[in-house]
Structure formats: C-alpha cells, structure tokens
Amino acid sequence: QVQLVESGGGLVQPGGSPRLSCAVSGFTFGLYLPSWYRQGPGKEREFVSSMAPIGGHTTYADSVKGRFATSRDNAKNTVFLQMDSLKSEDTAVYYCKVYDTLTGLEYWGQGTQVTVSS
C-alpha cells in the first residue's frame, strides 16, 4: 500500500527556513516522480516543485524559484522541500505528490500546514 507522510510544517516567522519532509512507502522509490503542491487560504492548489526520477532535474514555480529547493534521500525513501526566505504569501497547506512512472498513478500526502506570521 502506497503511503506518503508529510511533516515539518507549523508556524514560521517571515524570513524563516523550515524544511518539509515526505516519507514514501509502498513502492520502488527510484521509479517515481515526486513533487510538491500547496493550497493557500481561499486559493486553488498550485504546483510548487518537482524532481525527475532519473537525473534529479528540479523544476520550480516562479513564485518560489531561488527560495525553495527540493531534494531526496533514496536510502530513507524521503523527499524534502527546503523553504528559505518565507513570506506571508507562502502560507498554505503543502502537499507531497508522487507519480508512479510504471503505472501512471498519482498519490498524495495528507498535507502539512505552513503558516508564515510574526
């Protein structure tokens, strides 16, 4: 059974640098494409970042480019989202998603709230 468990959210001051984690279990880690999405209050869910399963090429939304970084630890089956220089507009529920390159199926985590406020 595929399972994604996110952690690392919470209340963060403007300019803070939290790191979100997404622990993945249930299938072969190296064969999926992980990505992060977020949904701010009153907004639709939007793409944040993704990482290619082979080569590790990363893609970012313009709104976070240069401030956020996605990485993965294959040994721990975990994907990370390092967020730096947070702004109030980064307040959102952040979701981890993985795309299984073998089946074409997508799986979502439960989301973790990040609130940027002083």
N, C-alpha and C. Protein backbone atom coordinates (compact mmCIF):
# COMPACT_ATOMS: atom_id res chain seq x y z
N GLN A 1 0.84 -1.18 0.00
CA GLN A 1 0.00 0.00 0.00
C GLN A 1 0.89 1.25 0.00
N VAL A 2 0.64 2.13 -0.94
CA VAL A 2 1.43 3.36 -1.03
C VAL A 2 1.00 4.33 0.07
N GLN A 3 1.99 4.90 0.70
CA GLN A 3 1.70 5.85 1.77
C GLN A 3 2.69 6.99 1.74
N LEU A 4 2.18 8.21 1.87
CA LEU A 4 3.01 9.40 1.94
C LEU A 4 2.70 10.11 3.25
N VAL A 5 3.72 10.38 4.02
CA VAL A 5 3.53 11.05 5.31
C VAL A 5 4.40 12.29 5.34
N GLU A 6 3.75 13.44 5.42
CA GLU A 6 4.47 14.71 5.44
C GLU A 6 4.67 15.18 6.86
N SER A 7 5.73 15.97 7.05
CA SER A 7 6.00 16.56 8.35
C SER A 7 6.84 17.82 8.14
N GLY A 8 6.95 18.60 9.21
CA GLY A 8 7.82 19.77 9.15
C GLY A 8 7.10 21.10 9.06
N GLY A 9 5.79 21.10 9.00
CA GLY A 9 5.07 22.36 8.92
C GLY A 9 4.93 22.99 10.29
N GLY A 10 4.24 24.12 10.32
CA GLY A 10 4.00 24.82 11.57
C GLY A 10 3.99 26.32 11.38
N LEU A 11 4.11 27.02 12.49
CA LEU A 11 4.15 28.48 12.46
C LEU A 11 5.59 28.94 12.28
N VAL A 12 5.81 29.77 11.28
CA VAL A 12 7.15 30.23 10.95
C VAL A 12 7.15 31.75 10.82
N GLN A 13 8.17 32.39 11.29
CA GLN A 13 8.28 33.84 11.15
C GLN A 13 8.69 34.20 9.72
N PRO A 14 8.31 35.35 9.24
CA PRO A 14 8.79 35.80 7.93
C PRO A 14 10.31 35.74 7.87
N GLY A 15 10.79 35.23 6.74
CA GLY A 15 12.22 35.06 6.59
C GLY A 15 12.73 33.73 7.09
N GLY A 16 11.85 32.93 7.69
CA GLY A 16 12.25 31.64 8.24
C GLY A 16 12.59 30.62 7.18
N SER A 17 13.15 29.47 7.64
CA SER A 17 13.63 28.44 6.72
C SER A 17 13.27 27.04 7.19
N PRO A 18 12.02 26.69 7.17
CA PRO A 18 11.66 25.33 7.56
C PRO A 18 11.94 24.34 6.44
N ARG A 19 11.99 23.08 6.81
CA ARG A 19 12.15 22.03 5.83
C ARG A 19 11.03 21.02 5.99
N LEU A 20 10.34 20.78 4.91
CA LEU A 20 9.28 19.78 4.92
C LEU A 20 9.85 18.44 4.47
N SER A 21 9.28 17.38 5.03
CA SER A 21 9.69 16.03 4.66
C SER A 21 8.47 15.25 4.20
N CYS A 22 8.71 14.34 3.29
CA CYS A 22 7.65 13.45 2.80
C CYS A 22 8.23 12.05 2.75
N ALA A 23 7.82 11.23 3.69
CA ALA A 23 8.28 9.85 3.74
C ALA A 23 7.38 8.98 2.87
N VAL A 24 8.00 8.28 1.95
CA VAL A 24 7.24 7.49 0.96
C VAL A 24 7.45 6.01 1.21
N SER A 25 6.39 5.26 1.18
CA SER A 25 6.49 3.82 1.33
C SER A 25 5.49 3.14 0.42
N GLY A 26 5.78 1.90 0.09
CA GLY A 26 4.81 1.13 -0.68
C GLY A 26 5.23 0.78 -2.09
N PHE A 27 6.26 1.45 -2.61
CA PHE A 27 6.75 1.05 -3.93
C PHE A 27 8.17 1.54 -4.14
N THR A 28 8.73 1.15 -5.24
CA THR A 28 10.14 1.39 -5.50
C THR A 28 10.42 2.87 -5.62
N PHE A 29 11.24 3.35 -4.71
CA PHE A 29 11.47 4.78 -4.59
C PHE A 29 11.99 5.40 -5.88
N GLY A 30 12.91 4.75 -6.52
CA GLY A 30 13.56 5.37 -7.66
C GLY A 30 12.73 5.50 -8.90
N LEU A 31 11.54 4.94 -8.92
CA LEU A 31 10.74 4.94 -10.13
C LEU A 31 9.57 5.90 -10.08
N TYR A 32 9.63 6.82 -9.15
CA TYR A 32 8.54 7.78 -9.14
C TYR A 32 9.06 9.20 -9.17
N LEU A 33 8.19 10.07 -9.63
CA LEU A 33 8.50 11.49 -9.72
C LEU A 33 7.81 12.20 -8.56
N PRO A 34 8.60 12.73 -7.64
CA PRO A 34 7.99 13.43 -6.51
C PRO A 34 7.78 14.91 -6.84
N SER A 35 6.76 15.48 -6.28
CA SER A 35 6.52 16.90 -6.44
C SER A 35 5.83 17.46 -5.21
N TRP A 36 5.84 18.76 -5.11
CA TRP A 36 5.18 19.47 -4.02
C TRP A 36 4.16 20.44 -4.60
N TYR A 37 3.04 20.52 -3.93
CA TYR A 37 1.99 21.46 -4.27
C TYR A 37 1.60 22.19 -2.99
N ARG A 38 0.88 23.26 -3.15
CA ARG A 38 0.37 23.97 -1.97
C ARG A 38 -0.99 24.59 -2.27
N GLN A 39 -1.73 24.80 -1.22
CA GLN A 39 -3.03 25.44 -1.34
C GLN A 39 -3.17 26.47 -0.25
N GLY A 40 -3.14 27.74 -0.65
CA GLY A 40 -3.28 28.83 0.29
C GLY A 40 -4.73 29.08 0.63
N PRO A 41 -5.01 29.85 1.66
CA PRO A 41 -6.40 30.13 2.06
C PRO A 41 -7.18 30.81 0.94
N GLY A 42 -8.28 30.22 0.56
CA GLY A 42 -9.11 30.77 -0.50
C GLY A 42 -8.56 30.62 -1.89
N LYS A 43 -7.50 29.82 -2.03
CA LYS A 43 -6.87 29.65 -3.35
C LYS A 43 -6.97 28.21 -3.82
N GLU A 44 -6.73 28.03 -5.09
CA GLU A 44 -6.66 26.68 -5.63
C GLU A 44 -5.28 26.08 -5.36
N ARG A 45 -5.24 24.77 -5.39
CA ARG A 45 -3.96 24.10 -5.22
C ARG A 45 -3.05 24.43 -6.40
N GLU A 46 -1.78 24.71 -6.09
CA GLU A 46 -0.86 25.09 -7.14
C GLU A 46 0.45 24.31 -7.04
N PHE A 47 1.09 24.17 -8.17
CA PHE A 47 2.38 23.48 -8.25
C PHE A 47 3.46 24.31 -7.58
N VAL A 48 4.34 23.61 -6.86
CA VAL A 48 5.49 24.28 -6.22
C VAL A 48 6.80 23.80 -6.83
N SER A 49 7.00 22.47 -6.84
CA SER A 49 8.26 21.97 -7.35
C SER A 49 8.12 20.49 -7.70
N SER A 50 9.08 20.01 -8.49
CA SER A 50 9.14 18.60 -8.81
C SER A 50 10.58 18.20 -9.06
N MET A 51 10.81 16.89 -9.03
CA MET A 51 12.17 16.36 -9.25
C MET A 51 12.07 15.13 -10.13
N ALA A 52 12.83 15.12 -11.20
CA ALA A 52 12.81 13.98 -12.11
C ALA A 52 13.34 12.74 -11.40
N PRO A 53 12.74 11.56 -11.69
CA PRO A 53 13.17 10.34 -11.02
C PRO A 53 14.58 9.90 -11.42
N ILE A 54 15.00 10.25 -12.62
CA ILE A 54 16.35 9.92 -13.06
C ILE A 54 17.07 11.22 -13.39
N GLY A 55 18.21 11.39 -12.78
CA GLY A 55 18.98 12.61 -13.01
C GLY A 55 18.73 13.69 -12.00
N GLY A 56 17.53 13.69 -11.42
CA GLY A 56 17.24 14.63 -10.35
C GLY A 56 16.99 16.06 -10.78
N HIS A 57 16.70 16.27 -12.06
CA HIS A 57 16.42 17.65 -12.50
C HIS A 57 15.20 18.19 -11.77
N THR A 58 15.32 19.42 -11.27
CA THR A 58 14.24 20.03 -10.50
C THR A 58 13.58 21.16 -11.28
N THR A 59 12.31 21.33 -11.01
CA THR A 59 11.52 22.39 -11.62
C THR A 59 10.78 23.12 -10.51
N TYR A 60 10.69 24.43 -10.62
CA TYR A 60 10.05 25.23 -9.58
C TYR A 60 9.07 26.24 -10.18
N ALA A 61 8.05 26.53 -9.39
CA ALA A 61 7.16 27.63 -9.76
C ALA A 61 7.93 28.94 -9.64
N ASP A 62 7.56 29.90 -10.46
CA ASP A 62 8.26 31.18 -10.44
C ASP A 62 8.20 31.84 -9.07
N SER A 63 7.10 31.62 -8.37
CA SER A 63 6.89 32.28 -7.08
C SER A 63 7.85 31.79 -6.00
N VAL A 64 8.46 30.63 -6.20
CA VAL A 64 9.36 30.08 -5.17
C VAL A 64 10.78 29.89 -5.68
N LYS A 65 10.99 30.12 -6.97
CA LYS A 65 12.30 29.89 -7.56
C LYS A 65 13.35 30.74 -6.84
N GLY A 66 14.45 30.11 -6.49
CA GLY A 66 15.52 30.79 -5.78
C GLY A 66 15.37 30.78 -4.27
N ARG A 67 14.18 30.39 -3.79
CA ARG A 67 13.95 30.36 -2.33
C ARG A 67 13.70 28.94 -1.83
N PHE A 68 13.11 28.10 -2.66
CA PHE A 68 12.80 26.73 -2.26
C PHE A 68 13.72 25.76 -3.01
N ALA A 69 13.96 24.62 -2.39
CA ALA A 69 14.78 23.59 -3.03
C ALA A 69 14.25 22.21 -2.67
N THR A 70 14.07 21.39 -3.69
CA THR A 70 13.61 20.01 -3.50
C THR A 70 14.78 19.07 -3.56
N SER A 71 14.80 18.09 -2.68
CA SER A 71 15.84 17.08 -2.69
C SER A 71 15.23 15.75 -2.25
N ARG A 72 16.00 14.68 -2.37
CA ARG A 72 15.51 13.38 -1.97
C ARG A 72 16.64 12.58 -1.37
N ASP A 73 16.28 11.70 -0.45
CA ASP A 73 17.21 10.77 0.16
C ASP A 73 16.71 9.38 -0.19
N ASN A 74 17.34 8.76 -1.17
CA ASN A 74 16.87 7.46 -1.64
C ASN A 74 16.98 6.39 -0.56
N ALA A 75 18.00 6.49 0.27
CA ALA A 75 18.20 5.49 1.31
C ALA A 75 17.06 5.52 2.33
N LYS A 76 16.49 6.72 2.53
CA LYS A 76 15.42 6.88 3.51
C LYS A 76 14.05 6.98 2.85
N ASN A 77 14.00 6.87 1.54
CA ASN A 77 12.73 7.00 0.81
C ASN A 77 11.99 8.26 1.22
N THR A 78 12.70 9.35 1.23
CA THR A 78 12.13 10.60 1.70
C THR A 78 12.45 11.74 0.73
N VAL A 79 11.48 12.58 0.54
CA VAL A 79 11.63 13.78 -0.28
C VAL A 79 11.54 14.99 0.64
N PHE A 80 12.33 16.00 0.33
CA PHE A 80 12.37 17.19 1.17
C PHE A 80 12.02 18.44 0.36
N LEU A 81 11.50 19.42 1.05
CA LEU A 81 11.31 20.74 0.47
C LEU A 81 11.91 21.74 1.45
N GLN A 82 13.07 22.24 1.10
CA GLN A 82 13.71 23.28 1.92
C GLN A 82 13.16 24.63 1.48
N MET A 83 12.60 25.35 2.42
CA MET A 83 11.99 26.65 2.12
C MET A 83 12.77 27.73 2.84
N ASP A 84 13.25 28.69 2.12
CA ASP A 84 14.00 29.80 2.68
C ASP A 84 13.30 31.13 2.39
N SER A 85 13.62 32.11 3.19
CA SER A 85 13.10 33.48 2.99
C SER A 85 11.58 33.48 2.85
N LEU A 86 10.93 32.82 3.78
CA LEU A 86 9.49 32.70 3.68
C LEU A 86 8.79 34.06 3.78
N LYS A 87 7.68 34.15 3.04
CA LYS A 87 6.86 35.35 3.03
C LYS A 87 5.46 34.95 3.48
N SER A 88 4.67 35.95 3.82
CA SER A 88 3.31 35.67 4.27
C SER A 88 2.51 34.95 3.19
N GLU A 89 2.80 35.26 1.94
CA GLU A 89 2.06 34.63 0.85
C GLU A 89 2.43 33.17 0.64
N ASP A 90 3.43 32.69 1.35
CA ASP A 90 3.76 31.27 1.32
C ASP A 90 2.90 30.45 2.27
N THR A 91 2.08 31.12 3.05
CA THR A 91 1.18 30.42 3.95
C THR A 91 0.24 29.52 3.15
N ALA A 92 0.23 28.25 3.49
CA ALA A 92 -0.56 27.29 2.73
C ALA A 92 -0.45 25.91 3.38
N VAL A 93 -1.31 25.03 2.92
CA VAL A 93 -1.13 23.62 3.21
C VAL A 93 -0.27 23.06 2.08
N TYR A 94 0.81 22.42 2.46
CA TYR A 94 1.75 21.88 1.48
C TYR A 94 1.53 20.38 1.36
N TYR A 95 1.44 19.95 0.11
CA TYR A 95 1.17 18.53 -0.19
C TYR A 95 2.32 17.93 -0.98
N CYS A 96 2.64 16.72 -0.62
CA CYS A 96 3.59 15.92 -1.37
C CYS A 96 2.79 15.03 -2.32
N LYS A 97 3.26 14.92 -3.53
CA LYS A 97 2.63 14.04 -4.51
C LYS A 97 3.70 13.23 -5.19
N VAL A 98 3.39 11.97 -5.47
CA VAL A 98 4.31 11.16 -6.26
C VAL A 98 3.56 10.58 -7.45
N TYR A 99 4.25 10.56 -8.56
CA TYR A 99 3.72 9.99 -9.79
C TYR A 99 4.50 8.71 -10.07
N ASP A 100 3.78 7.60 -10.12
CA ASP A 100 4.41 6.31 -10.37
C ASP A 100 4.63 6.17 -11.87
N THR A 101 5.90 6.17 -12.27
CA THR A 101 6.20 6.13 -13.70
C THR A 101 5.86 4.79 -14.35
N LEU A 102 5.66 3.76 -13.55
CA LEU A 102 5.31 2.46 -14.12
C LEU A 102 3.81 2.32 -14.36
N THR A 103 3.01 2.82 -13.46
CA THR A 103 1.56 2.63 -13.54
C THR A 103 0.81 3.88 -14.02
N GLY A 104 1.46 5.04 -13.92
CA GLY A 104 0.77 6.27 -14.26
C GLY A 104 -0.14 6.78 -13.17
N LEU A 105 -0.08 6.15 -12.00
CA LEU A 105 -0.94 6.56 -10.90
C LEU A 105 -0.27 7.66 -10.08
N GLU A 106 -1.09 8.47 -9.44
CA GLU A 106 -0.61 9.53 -8.57
C GLU A 106 -1.09 9.28 -7.14
N TYR A 107 -0.25 9.67 -6.21
CA TYR A 107 -0.58 9.52 -4.80
C TYR A 107 -0.25 10.82 -4.08
N TRP A 108 -1.14 11.18 -3.15
CA TRP A 108 -0.99 12.43 -2.42
C TRP A 108 -0.83 12.17 -0.93
N GLY A 109 -0.05 13.04 -0.29
CA GLY A 109 0.03 13.01 1.15
C GLY A 109 -1.15 13.76 1.74
N GLN A 110 -1.20 13.77 3.06
CA GLN A 110 -2.33 14.38 3.75
C GLN A 110 -2.19 15.90 3.87
N GLY A 111 -1.01 16.41 3.59
CA GLY A 111 -0.77 17.84 3.68
C GLY A 111 -0.24 18.25 5.04
N THR A 112 0.56 19.30 5.04
CA THR A 112 1.08 19.87 6.28
C THR A 112 0.96 21.39 6.19
N GLN A 113 0.43 21.98 7.25
CA GLN A 113 0.17 23.42 7.25
C GLN A 113 1.45 24.19 7.55
N VAL A 114 1.71 25.20 6.72
CA VAL A 114 2.79 26.14 6.99
C VAL A 114 2.16 27.53 7.07
N THR A 115 2.33 28.16 8.21
CA THR A 115 1.79 29.50 8.42
C THR A 115 2.93 30.47 8.67
N VAL A 116 3.03 31.47 7.84
CA VAL A 116 4.10 32.45 7.97
C VAL A 116 3.52 33.71 8.60
N SER A 117 3.93 33.97 9.81
CA SER A 117 3.38 35.11 10.55
C SER A 117 4.33 35.50 11.67
N SER A 118 4.35 36.79 11.97
CA SER A 118 5.16 37.25 13.09
C SER A 118 4.32 37.36 14.36
